[in-house]
């Protein structure tokens, strides 16, 4: 049984922030501010009804930890240094697509384009305010589900095209080998598919495989 759409169930969230150890080395004040930002974001998520399963620092094994937790949604809070985070976050969602929302103060257009191209669903600049968190995530979820739906439709269309080509090729072979019309070849293939409990494209593939062995 398939899971309900993201918008219809309580979502699990992994919250990502810069590595505190690195922030401490660079600037103690910066670390304190980042901790406050992360705490605000976590509270906003909890109040909005999301289940925060982990608050993770952006360490080298981040992709492994995200993959192990399997959250529905990844929220990244990075005032700067976005590029350093992208690789790990996106890599963890490569095989399991999920919405990725990034809150940042980095307004560099090139960085934003890189993030979206890499798979970030929403790139929010200077938008980390308590009241905005839920609306931003809801829009990101709607966009993600729409993109997934379009991708599924495209994949289905491509699959149908491939199957149609298989059937046409196999039908031509049946016509040639059994000296029959196109309609007769099609009916014979369809009958075989019904008898074997196979899809027509599967019968076509078997015909092509058999010819390839001769």
C-alpha atoms as a PDB file:
ATOM      1  CA  UNK A   1       0.000   0.000   0.000  1.00  0.00           C
ATOM      2  CA  UNK A   2       1.398   3.400  -1.029  1.00  0.00           C
ATOM      3  CA  UNK A   3       1.935   6.086   1.576  1.00  0.00           C
ATOM      4  CA  UNK A   4      -0.418   9.099   1.648  1.00  0.00           C
ATOM      5  CA  UNK A   5       0.825  12.299  -0.026  1.00  0.00           C
ATOM      6  CA  UNK A   6       3.222  14.379   2.058  1.00  0.00           C
ATOM      7  CA  UNK A   7       0.598  17.055   2.559  1.00  0.00           C
ATOM      8  CA  UNK A   8      -1.804  14.558   4.169  1.00  0.00           C
ATOM      9  CA  UNK A   9       0.333  13.172   7.008  1.00  0.00           C
ATOM     10  CA  UNK A  10       2.614  14.246   9.831  1.00  0.00           C
ATOM     11  CA  UNK A  11       6.032  14.775   8.313  1.00  0.00           C
ATOM     12  CA  UNK A  12       9.346  13.780   9.825  1.00  0.00           C
ATOM     13  CA  UNK A  13      11.984  16.478   9.470  1.00  0.00           C
ATOM     14  CA  UNK A  14      15.771  16.478   9.670  1.00  0.00           C
ATOM     15  CA  UNK A  15      17.078  19.942  10.511  1.00  0.00           C
ATOM     16  CA  UNK A  16      20.582  20.725   9.270  1.00  0.00           C
ATOM     17  CA  UNK A  17      22.803  23.537  10.525  1.00  0.00           C
ATOM     18  CA  UNK A  18      26.523  24.382  10.151  1.00  0.00           C
ATOM     19  CA  UNK A  19      28.989  22.358  12.198  1.00  0.00           C
ATOM     20  CA  UNK A  20      29.228  24.091  15.639  1.00  0.00           C
ATOM     21  CA  UNK A  21      32.873  23.109  15.978  1.00  0.00           C
ATOM     22  CA  UNK A  22      33.780  25.010  12.830  1.00  0.00           C
ATOM     23  CA  UNK A  23      31.639  27.981  13.804  1.00  0.00           C
ATOM     24  CA  UNK A  24      33.366  28.119  17.208  1.00  0.00           C
ATOM     25  CA  UNK A  25      36.770  28.208  15.555  1.00  0.00           C
ATOM     26  CA  UNK A  26      35.740  31.081  13.326  1.00  0.00           C
ATOM     27  CA  UNK A  27      33.619  33.269  15.590  1.00  0.00           C
ATOM     28  CA  UNK A  28      31.995  32.573  18.940  1.00  0.00           C
ATOM     29  CA  UNK A  29      29.361  35.258  18.365  1.00  0.00           C
ATOM     30  CA  UNK A  30      28.500  33.689  15.029  1.00  0.00           C
ATOM     31  CA  UNK A  31      28.029  30.333  16.738  1.00  0.00           C
ATOM     32  CA  UNK A  32      25.650  31.802  19.307  1.00  0.00           C
ATOM     33  CA  UNK A  33      23.589  33.463  16.596  1.00  0.00           C
ATOM     34  CA  UNK A  34      23.448  30.243  14.572  1.00  0.00           C
ATOM     35  CA  UNK A  35      22.309  28.284  17.630  1.00  0.00           C
ATOM     36  CA  UNK A  36      19.528  30.816  18.198  1.00  0.00           C
ATOM     37  CA  UNK A  37      18.442  30.619  14.558  1.00  0.00           C
ATOM     38  CA  UNK A  38      18.374  26.837  14.689  1.00  0.00           C
ATOM     39  CA  UNK A  39      16.365  26.846  17.925  1.00  0.00           C
ATOM     40  CA  UNK A  40      13.836  29.276  16.451  1.00  0.00           C
ATOM     41  CA  UNK A  41      13.463  27.145  13.350  1.00  0.00           C
ATOM     42  CA  UNK A  42      13.074  23.930  15.339  1.00  0.00           C
ATOM     43  CA  UNK A  43      10.375  25.472  17.548  1.00  0.00           C
ATOM     44  CA  UNK A  44       8.523  26.820  14.508  1.00  0.00           C
ATOM     45  CA  UNK A  45       8.574  23.358  12.957  1.00  0.00           C
ATOM     46  CA  UNK A  46       7.274  21.703  16.125  1.00  0.00           C
ATOM     47  CA  UNK A  47       4.525  24.295  16.552  1.00  0.00           C
ATOM     48  CA  UNK A  48       3.515  23.766  12.923  1.00  0.00           C
ATOM     49  CA  UNK A  49       2.963  20.074  13.627  1.00  0.00           C
ATOM     50  CA  UNK A  50       6.105  18.573  12.106  1.00  0.00           C
ATOM     51  CA  UNK A  51       8.076  15.829  13.859  1.00  0.00           C
ATOM     52  CA  UNK A  52      11.725  16.896  14.108  1.00  0.00           C
ATOM     53  CA  UNK A  53      13.600  13.588  14.213  1.00  0.00           C
ATOM     54  CA  UNK A  54      17.079  15.085  14.408  1.00  0.00           C
ATOM     55  CA  UNK A  55      19.077  18.306  14.424  1.00  0.00           C
ATOM     56  CA  UNK A  56      22.265  17.469  12.571  1.00  0.00           C
ATOM     57  CA  UNK A  57      25.497  19.413  12.143  1.00  0.00           C
ATOM     58  CA  UNK A  58      26.896  19.666   8.626  1.00  0.00           C
ATOM     59  CA  UNK A  59      29.677  17.137   9.160  1.00  0.00           C
ATOM     60  CA  UNK A  60      31.301  15.011   6.413  1.00  0.00           C
ATOM     61  CA  UNK A  61      29.060  12.003   7.198  1.00  0.00           C
ATOM     62  CA  UNK A  62      25.857  14.061   6.923  1.00  0.00           C
ATOM     63  CA  UNK A  63      24.632  12.218   3.847  1.00  0.00           C
ATOM     64  CA  UNK A  64      24.935   8.868   5.664  1.00  0.00           C
ATOM     65  CA  UNK A  65      22.998  10.134   8.677  1.00  0.00           C
ATOM     66  CA  UNK A  66      20.193  11.555   6.556  1.00  0.00           C
ATOM     67  CA  UNK A  67      19.985   8.329   4.577  1.00  0.00           C
ATOM     68  CA  UNK A  68      19.730   6.350   7.830  1.00  0.00           C
ATOM     69  CA  UNK A  69      17.014   8.590   9.311  1.00  0.00           C
ATOM     70  CA  UNK A  70      14.967   8.676   6.080  1.00  0.00           C
ATOM     71  CA  UNK A  71      13.112  11.909   6.924  1.00  0.00           C
ATOM     72  CA  UNK A  72      10.229  13.080   4.742  1.00  0.00           C
ATOM     73  CA  UNK A  73      11.675  16.556   4.592  1.00  0.00           C
ATOM     74  CA  UNK A  74      15.095  18.166   5.031  1.00  0.00           C
ATOM     75  CA  UNK A  75      15.371  21.727   6.308  1.00  0.00           C
ATOM     76  CA  UNK A  76      18.750  23.440   6.012  1.00  0.00           C
ATOM     77  CA  UNK A  77      19.612  26.571   7.979  1.00  0.00           C
ATOM     78  CA  UNK A  78      22.829  28.115   6.708  1.00  0.00           C
ATOM     79  CA  UNK A  79      23.472  31.843   6.910  1.00  0.00           C
ATOM     80  CA  UNK A  80      26.378  31.291   4.541  1.00  0.00           C
ATOM     81  CA  UNK A  81      28.562  28.497   3.188  1.00  0.00           C
ATOM     82  CA  UNK A  82      25.640  27.010   1.261  1.00  0.00           C
ATOM     83  CA  UNK A  83      27.806  25.307  -1.346  1.00  0.00           C
ATOM     84  CA  UNK A  84      29.620  23.294   1.301  1.00  0.00           C
ATOM     85  CA  UNK A  85      26.308  21.856   2.510  1.00  0.00           C
ATOM     86  CA  UNK A  86      24.682  21.141  -0.832  1.00  0.00           C
ATOM     87  CA  UNK A  87      26.712  18.115  -1.846  1.00  0.00           C
ATOM     88  CA  UNK A  88      26.006  16.171   1.348  1.00  0.00           C
ATOM     89  CA  UNK A  89      22.311  17.057   1.594  1.00  0.00           C
ATOM     90  CA  UNK A  90      21.489  16.394  -2.051  1.00  0.00           C
ATOM     91  CA  UNK A  91      23.536  13.182  -2.137  1.00  0.00           C
ATOM     92  CA  UNK A  92      21.489  11.744   0.721  1.00  0.00           C
ATOM     93  CA  UNK A  93      18.279  12.334  -1.252  1.00  0.00           C
ATOM     94  CA  UNK A  94      19.582  11.055  -4.580  1.00  0.00           C
ATOM     95  CA  UNK A  95      17.894   7.649  -4.344  1.00  0.00           C
ATOM     96  CA  UNK A  96      15.000   8.810  -2.149  1.00  0.00           C
ATOM     97  CA  UNK A  97      13.677  12.119  -3.478  1.00  0.00           C
ATOM     98  CA  UNK A  98      12.420  14.406  -0.730  1.00  0.00           C
ATOM     99  CA  UNK A  99      11.707  18.135  -0.370  1.00  0.00           C
ATOM    100  CA  UNK A 100      14.730  20.198   0.654  1.00  0.00           C
ATOM    101  CA  UNK A 101      14.118  23.701   1.999  1.00  0.00           C
ATOM    102  CA  UNK A 102      17.101  25.967   2.515  1.00  0.00           C
ATOM    103  CA  UNK A 103      17.006  29.107   4.686  1.00  0.00           C
ATOM    104  CA  UNK A 104      20.013  31.353   4.139  1.00  0.00           C
ATOM    105  CA  UNK A 105      21.298  34.914   4.007  1.00  0.00           C
ATOM    106  CA  UNK A 106      23.371  34.123   0.910  1.00  0.00           C
ATOM    107  CA  UNK A 107      21.686  36.119  -1.869  1.00  0.00           C
ATOM    108  CA  UNK A 108      24.212  35.184  -4.544  1.00  0.00           C
ATOM    109  CA  UNK A 109      22.218  34.357  -7.704  1.00  0.00           C
ATOM    110  CA  UNK A 110      24.722  31.769  -8.896  1.00  0.00           C
ATOM    111  CA  UNK A 111      24.541  29.921  -5.566  1.00  0.00           C
ATOM    112  CA  UNK A 112      20.742  29.936  -5.665  1.00  0.00           C
ATOM    113  CA  UNK A 113      20.705  28.549  -9.208  1.00  0.00           C
ATOM    114  CA  UNK A 114      23.217  25.890  -8.233  1.00  0.00           C
ATOM    115  CA  UNK A 115      21.045  24.878  -5.272  1.00  0.00           C
ATOM    116  CA  UNK A 116      17.855  24.576  -7.318  1.00  0.00           C
ATOM    117  CA  UNK A 117      19.653  22.662 -10.074  1.00  0.00           C
ATOM    118  CA  UNK A 118      21.100  20.294  -7.460  1.00  0.00           C
ATOM    119  CA  UNK A 119      17.640  19.443  -6.141  1.00  0.00           C
ATOM    120  CA  UNK A 120      16.771  22.037  -3.496  1.00  0.00           C
ATOM    121  CA  UNK A 121      12.999  22.605  -3.578  1.00  0.00           C
ATOM    122  CA  UNK A 122      12.953  26.071  -2.011  1.00  0.00           C
ATOM    123  CA  UNK A 123      15.833  28.544  -1.572  1.00  0.00           C
ATOM    124  CA  UNK A 124      14.700  31.172   0.934  1.00  0.00           C
ATOM    125  CA  UNK A 125      16.883  34.262   1.379  1.00  0.00           C
ATOM    126  CA  UNK A 126      16.533  36.278   4.598  1.00  0.00           C
ATOM    127  CA  UNK A 127      13.202  34.608   5.311  1.00  0.00           C
ATOM    128  CA  UNK A 128      13.822  32.862   8.606  1.00  0.00           C
ATOM    129  CA  UNK A 129      11.018  34.374  10.614  1.00  0.00           C
ATOM    130  CA  UNK A 130       8.811  32.319  12.915  1.00  0.00           C
ATOM    131  CA  UNK A 131       5.585  33.263  11.150  1.00  0.00           C
ATOM    132  CA  UNK A 132       6.949  32.444   7.709  1.00  0.00           C
ATOM    133  CA  UNK A 133       8.288  28.954   8.352  1.00  0.00           C
ATOM    134  CA  UNK A 134       5.020  27.029   7.950  1.00  0.00           C
ATOM    135  CA  UNK A 135       3.799  28.870   4.812  1.00  0.00           C
ATOM    136  CA  UNK A 136       7.201  28.477   3.162  1.00  0.00           C
ATOM    137  CA  UNK A 137       7.245  24.740   3.834  1.00  0.00           C
ATOM    138  CA  UNK A 138       3.656  24.265   2.653  1.00  0.00           C
ATOM    139  CA  UNK A 139       4.474  25.963  -0.649  1.00  0.00           C
ATOM    140  CA  UNK A 140       7.642  23.859  -0.961  1.00  0.00           C
ATOM    141  CA  UNK A 141       5.671  20.652  -0.338  1.00  0.00           C
ATOM    142  CA  UNK A 142       3.080  21.579  -2.955  1.00  0.00           C
ATOM    143  CA  UNK A 143       5.826  22.339  -5.457  1.00  0.00           C
ATOM    144  CA  UNK A 144       7.647  19.092  -4.693  1.00  0.00           C
ATOM    145  CA  UNK A 145       4.527  16.953  -5.102  1.00  0.00           C
ATOM    146  CA  UNK A 146       3.692  18.715  -8.368  1.00  0.00           C
ATOM    147  CA  UNK A 147       7.206  18.089  -9.691  1.00  0.00           C
ATOM    148  CA  UNK A 148       7.037  14.441  -8.651  1.00  0.00           C
ATOM    149  CA  UNK A 149       3.661  14.063 -10.363  1.00  0.00           C
ATOM    150  CA  UNK A 150       4.981  15.593 -13.582  1.00  0.00           C
ATOM    151  CA  UNK A 151       8.069  13.397 -13.427  1.00  0.00           C
ATOM    152  CA  UNK A 152       5.906  10.288 -12.949  1.00  0.00           C
ATOM    153  CA  UNK A 153       3.750  11.273 -15.920  1.00  0.00           C
ATOM    154  CA  UNK A 154       6.847  11.787 -18.058  1.00  0.00           C
ATOM    155  CA  UNK A 155       8.309   8.441 -16.996  1.00  0.00           C
ATOM    156  CA  UNK A 156       4.997   6.711 -17.788  1.00  0.00           C
ATOM    157  CA  UNK A 157       4.871   8.329 -21.228  1.00  0.00           C
ATOM    158  CA  UNK A 158       8.438   7.248 -21.964  1.00  0.00           C
ATOM    159  CA  UNK A 159       7.676   3.721 -20.779  1.00  0.00           C
ATOM    160  CA  UNK A 160       4.600   3.523 -23.008  1.00  0.00           C
ATOM    161  CA  UNK A 161       6.634   4.702 -25.984  1.00  0.00           C
ATOM    162  CA  UNK A 162       9.292   2.045 -25.363  1.00  0.00           C
ATOM    163  CA  UNK A 163       6.631  -0.656 -24.985  1.00  0.00           C
ATOM    164  CA  UNK A 164       4.903   0.442 -28.176  1.00  0.00           C
ATOM    165  CA  UNK A 165       8.158   0.202 -30.101  1.00  0.00           C
ATOM    166  CA  UNK A 166       8.784  -3.291 -28.694  1.00  0.00           C
ATOM    167  CA  UNK A 167       5.343  -4.466 -29.784  1.00  0.00           C
ATOM    168  CA  UNK A 168       5.782  -3.019 -33.273  1.00  0.00           C
ATOM    169  CA  UNK A 169       9.162  -4.724 -33.730  1.00  0.00           C
ATOM    170  CA  UNK A 170       7.888  -8.053 -32.429  1.00  0.00           C
ATOM    171  CA  UNK A 171       4.760  -7.817 -34.558  1.00  0.00           C
ATOM    172  CA  UNK A 172       6.928  -7.374 -37.644  1.00  0.00           C
ATOM    173  CA  UNK A 173       8.878 -10.518 -36.764  1.00  0.00           C
ATOM    174  CA  UNK A 174       5.683 -12.551 -36.264  1.00  0.00           C
ATOM    175  CA  UNK A 175       4.338 -11.324 -39.621  1.00  0.00           C
ATOM    176  CA  UNK A 176       7.547 -12.360 -41.343  1.00  0.00           C
ATOM    177  CA  UNK A 177       8.007 -15.723 -39.619  1.00  0.00           C
ATOM    178  CA  UNK A 178       4.369 -16.841 -39.748  1.00  0.00           C
ATOM    179  CA  UNK A 179       3.465 -15.164 -43.041  1.00  0.00           C
ATOM    180  CA  UNK A 180       0.446 -13.382 -41.601  1.00  0.00           C
ATOM    181  CA  UNK A 181      -1.089  -9.921 -41.652  1.00  0.00           C
ATOM    182  CA  UNK A 182      -0.371  -7.213 -39.118  1.00  0.00           C
ATOM    183  CA  UNK A 183      -3.778  -7.715 -37.512  1.00  0.00           C
ATOM    184  CA  UNK A 184      -3.274 -11.476 -37.246  1.00  0.00           C
ATOM    185  CA  UNK A 185       0.179 -11.013 -35.736  1.00  0.00           C
ATOM    186  CA  UNK A 186      -1.229  -8.636 -33.146  1.00  0.00           C
ATOM    187  CA  UNK A 187      -4.054 -11.007 -32.209  1.00  0.00           C
ATOM    188  CA  UNK A 188      -1.628 -13.921 -31.837  1.00  0.00           C
ATOM    189  CA  UNK A 189       0.609 -11.908 -29.561  1.00  0.00           C
ATOM    190  CA  UNK A 190      -2.322 -10.693 -27.500  1.00  0.00           C
ATOM    191  CA  UNK A 191      -3.682 -14.240 -27.169  1.00  0.00           C
ATOM    192  CA  UNK A 192      -0.285 -15.483 -25.997  1.00  0.00           C
ATOM    193  CA  UNK A 193      -0.093 -12.659 -23.480  1.00  0.00           C
ATOM    194  CA  UNK A 194      -3.501 -13.597 -22.037  1.00  0.00           C
ATOM    195  CA  UNK A 195      -2.607 -17.301 -21.864  1.00  0.00           C
ATOM    196  CA  UNK A 196       0.699 -16.614 -20.106  1.00  0.00           C
ATOM    197  CA  UNK A 197      -0.612 -13.830 -17.880  1.00  0.00           C
ATOM    198  CA  UNK A 198       1.908 -11.382 -19.323  1.00  0.00           C
ATOM    199  CA  UNK A 199       1.794  -7.843 -20.613  1.00  0.00           C
ATOM    200  CA  UNK A 200       1.837  -7.484 -24.372  1.00  0.00           C
ATOM    201  CA  UNK A 201       5.187  -5.721 -24.135  1.00  0.00           C
ATOM    202  CA  UNK A 202       6.612  -8.670 -22.161  1.00  0.00           C
ATOM    203  CA  UNK A 203       5.529 -11.076 -24.901  1.00  0.00           C
ATOM    204  CA  UNK A 204       7.095  -8.744 -27.452  1.00  0.00           C
ATOM    205  CA  UNK A 205      10.371  -8.696 -25.508  1.00  0.00           C
ATOM    206  CA  UNK A 206      10.394 -12.516 -25.340  1.00  0.00           C
ATOM    207  CA  UNK A 207       9.897 -12.706 -29.089  1.00  0.00           C
ATOM    208  CA  UNK A 208      12.768 -10.319 -29.677  1.00  0.00           C
ATOM    209  CA  UNK A 209      14.986 -12.213 -27.209  1.00  0.00           C
ATOM    210  CA  UNK A 210      14.215 -15.505 -28.958  1.00  0.00           C
ATOM    211  CA  UNK A 211      15.090 -14.081 -32.370  1.00  0.00           C
ATOM    212  CA  UNK A 212      18.290 -12.689 -30.948  1.00  0.00           C
ATOM    213  CA  UNK A 213      19.358 -16.180 -29.846  1.00  0.00           C
ATOM    214  CA  UNK A 214      18.920 -17.685 -33.310  1.00  0.00           C
END
